Amino acid sequence: SAEFIIDFVRIMPGVPKAQVKSRIILTPQHAKRLYRALKDNISKFEAMHGEIKVPEIENLPLNFGGPKAEA
């Protein structure tokens, strides 16, 4: 309840389990600062280059079979 964990994984075709390559652990305050920085930078990028298109169909699960998030 006191931290946010961001895992960077490598997904290999045909392999059912993703492998964690890097992990970042953030306090809630630092997670919010990261969110604001990303939001600001995405807004600046889109102002210069146009809207970033995101495909409508996204079948990639974001939990990769790990534990469920709890609030």
C-alpha atoms as a PDB file:
ATOM      1  CA  SER A   1       0.000   0.000   0.000  1.00  0.00           C
ATOM      2  CA  ALA A   2       3.041   2.297   0.286  1.00  0.00           C
ATOM      3  CA  GLU A   3       4.684   1.773  -3.091  1.00  0.00           C
ATOM      4  CA  PHE A   4       4.118   1.485  -6.817  1.00  0.00           C
ATOM      5  CA  ILE A   5       6.043  -1.196  -8.687  1.00  0.00           C
ATOM      6  CA  ILE A   6       6.741  -0.859 -12.410  1.00  0.00           C
ATOM      7  CA  ASP A   7       8.080  -4.004 -14.057  1.00  0.00           C
ATOM      8  CA  PHE A   8       9.691  -3.979 -17.485  1.00  0.00           C
ATOM      9  CA  VAL A   9       9.312  -7.427 -19.019  1.00  0.00           C
ATOM     10  CA  ARG A  10      10.467  -9.264 -22.099  1.00  0.00           C
ATOM     11  CA  ILE A  11       7.673 -11.158 -23.835  1.00  0.00           C
ATOM     12  CA  MET A  12       8.799 -13.928 -26.123  1.00  0.00           C
ATOM     13  CA  PRO A  13       6.421 -15.443 -28.700  1.00  0.00           C
ATOM     14  CA  GLY A  14       5.284 -18.908 -27.686  1.00  0.00           C
ATOM     15  CA  VAL A  15       6.531 -18.550 -24.109  1.00  0.00           C
ATOM     16  CA  PRO A  16       3.607 -18.354 -21.657  1.00  0.00           C
ATOM     17  CA  LYS A  17       5.528 -16.528 -18.913  1.00  0.00           C
ATOM     18  CA  ALA A  18       7.124 -13.094 -19.345  1.00  0.00           C
ATOM     19  CA  GLN A  19      10.524 -12.467 -17.778  1.00  0.00           C
ATOM     20  CA  VAL A  20      11.057  -9.325 -15.667  1.00  0.00           C
ATOM     21  CA  LYS A  21      14.158  -7.473 -16.888  1.00  0.00           C
ATOM     22  CA  SER A  22      13.990  -4.365 -14.691  1.00  0.00           C
ATOM     23  CA  ARG A  23      11.902  -3.218 -11.751  1.00  0.00           C
ATOM     24  CA  ILE A  24      11.336   0.304 -10.466  1.00  0.00           C
ATOM     25  CA  ILE A  25       9.813   0.836  -7.035  1.00  0.00           C
ATOM     26  CA  LEU A  26       8.298   4.264  -6.411  1.00  0.00           C
ATOM     27  CA  THR A  27       6.631   5.969  -3.497  1.00  0.00           C
ATOM     28  CA  PRO A  28       3.116   7.203  -4.284  1.00  0.00           C
ATOM     29  CA  GLN A  29       4.483  10.771  -4.435  1.00  0.00           C
ATOM     30  CA  HIS A  30       7.194   9.837  -6.950  1.00  0.00           C
ATOM     31  CA  ALA A  31       4.693   7.807  -8.995  1.00  0.00           C
ATOM     32  CA  LYS A  32       2.495  10.894  -9.266  1.00  0.00           C
ATOM     33  CA  ARG A  33       5.492  13.036 -10.275  1.00  0.00           C
ATOM     34  CA  LEU A  34       6.365  10.491 -12.981  1.00  0.00           C
ATOM     35  CA  TYR A  35       2.741  10.514 -14.178  1.00  0.00           C
ATOM     36  CA  ARG A  36       2.740  14.327 -14.383  1.00  0.00           C
ATOM     37  CA  ALA A  37       6.096  14.383 -16.211  1.00  0.00           C
ATOM     38  CA  LEU A  38       4.894  11.799 -18.752  1.00  0.00           C
ATOM     39  CA  LYS A  39       1.601  13.642 -19.240  1.00  0.00           C
ATOM     40  CA  ASP A  40       3.433  16.945 -19.782  1.00  0.00           C
ATOM     41  CA  ASN A  41       5.940  15.450 -22.207  1.00  0.00           C
ATOM     42  CA  ILE A  42       3.248  13.614 -24.189  1.00  0.00           C
ATOM     43  CA  SER A  43       1.275  16.879 -24.488  1.00  0.00           C
ATOM     44  CA  LYS A  44       4.376  18.701 -25.764  1.00  0.00           C
ATOM     45  CA  PHE A  45       5.167  15.890 -28.228  1.00  0.00           C
ATOM     46  CA  GLU A  46       1.604  15.863 -29.587  1.00  0.00           C
ATOM     47  CA  ALA A  47       1.621  19.663 -29.920  1.00  0.00           C
ATOM     48  CA  MET A  48       4.679  19.346 -32.183  1.00  0.00           C
ATOM     49  CA  HIS A  49       3.909  16.103 -34.040  1.00  0.00           C
ATOM     50  CA  GLY A  50       0.152  15.548 -33.819  1.00  0.00           C
ATOM     51  CA  GLU A  51      -1.881  13.106 -31.801  1.00  0.00           C
ATOM     52  CA  ILE A  52      -0.282   9.770 -30.969  1.00  0.00           C
ATOM     53  CA  LYS A  53      -2.469   7.038 -32.451  1.00  0.00           C
ATOM     54  CA  VAL A  54      -3.202   4.047 -30.236  1.00  0.00           C
ATOM     55  CA  PRO A  55      -4.626   0.916 -31.908  1.00  0.00           C
ATOM     56  CA  GLU A  56      -8.211   0.174 -30.927  1.00  0.00           C
ATOM     57  CA  ILE A  57      -7.540  -3.546 -30.528  1.00  0.00           C
ATOM     58  CA  GLU A  58      -5.120  -4.274 -27.732  1.00  0.00           C
ATOM     59  CA  ASN A  59      -5.137  -7.916 -26.685  1.00  0.00           C
ATOM     60  CA  LEU A  60      -1.992  -7.720 -24.562  1.00  0.00           C
ATOM     61  CA  PRO A  61      -2.803  -8.397 -20.897  1.00  0.00           C
ATOM     62  CA  LEU A  62      -1.195  -5.908 -18.555  1.00  0.00           C
ATOM     63  CA  ASN A  63      -0.923  -8.196 -15.537  1.00  0.00           C
ATOM     64  CA  PHE A  64       1.162 -10.929 -17.256  1.00  0.00           C
ATOM     65  CA  GLY A  65      -0.262 -13.491 -14.866  1.00  0.00           C
ATOM     66  CA  GLY A  66       1.162 -11.762 -11.793  1.00  0.00           C
ATOM     67  CA  PRO A  67      -0.669 -10.831  -8.610  1.00  0.00           C
ATOM     68  CA  LYS A  68      -3.756  -8.662  -8.894  1.00  0.00           C
ATOM     69  CA  ALA A  69      -3.427  -4.994  -7.931  1.00  0.00           C
ATOM     70  CA  GLU A  70      -5.066  -3.974  -4.685  1.00  0.00           C
ATOM     71  CA  ALA A  71      -6.362  -0.580  -3.679  1.00  0.00           C
END
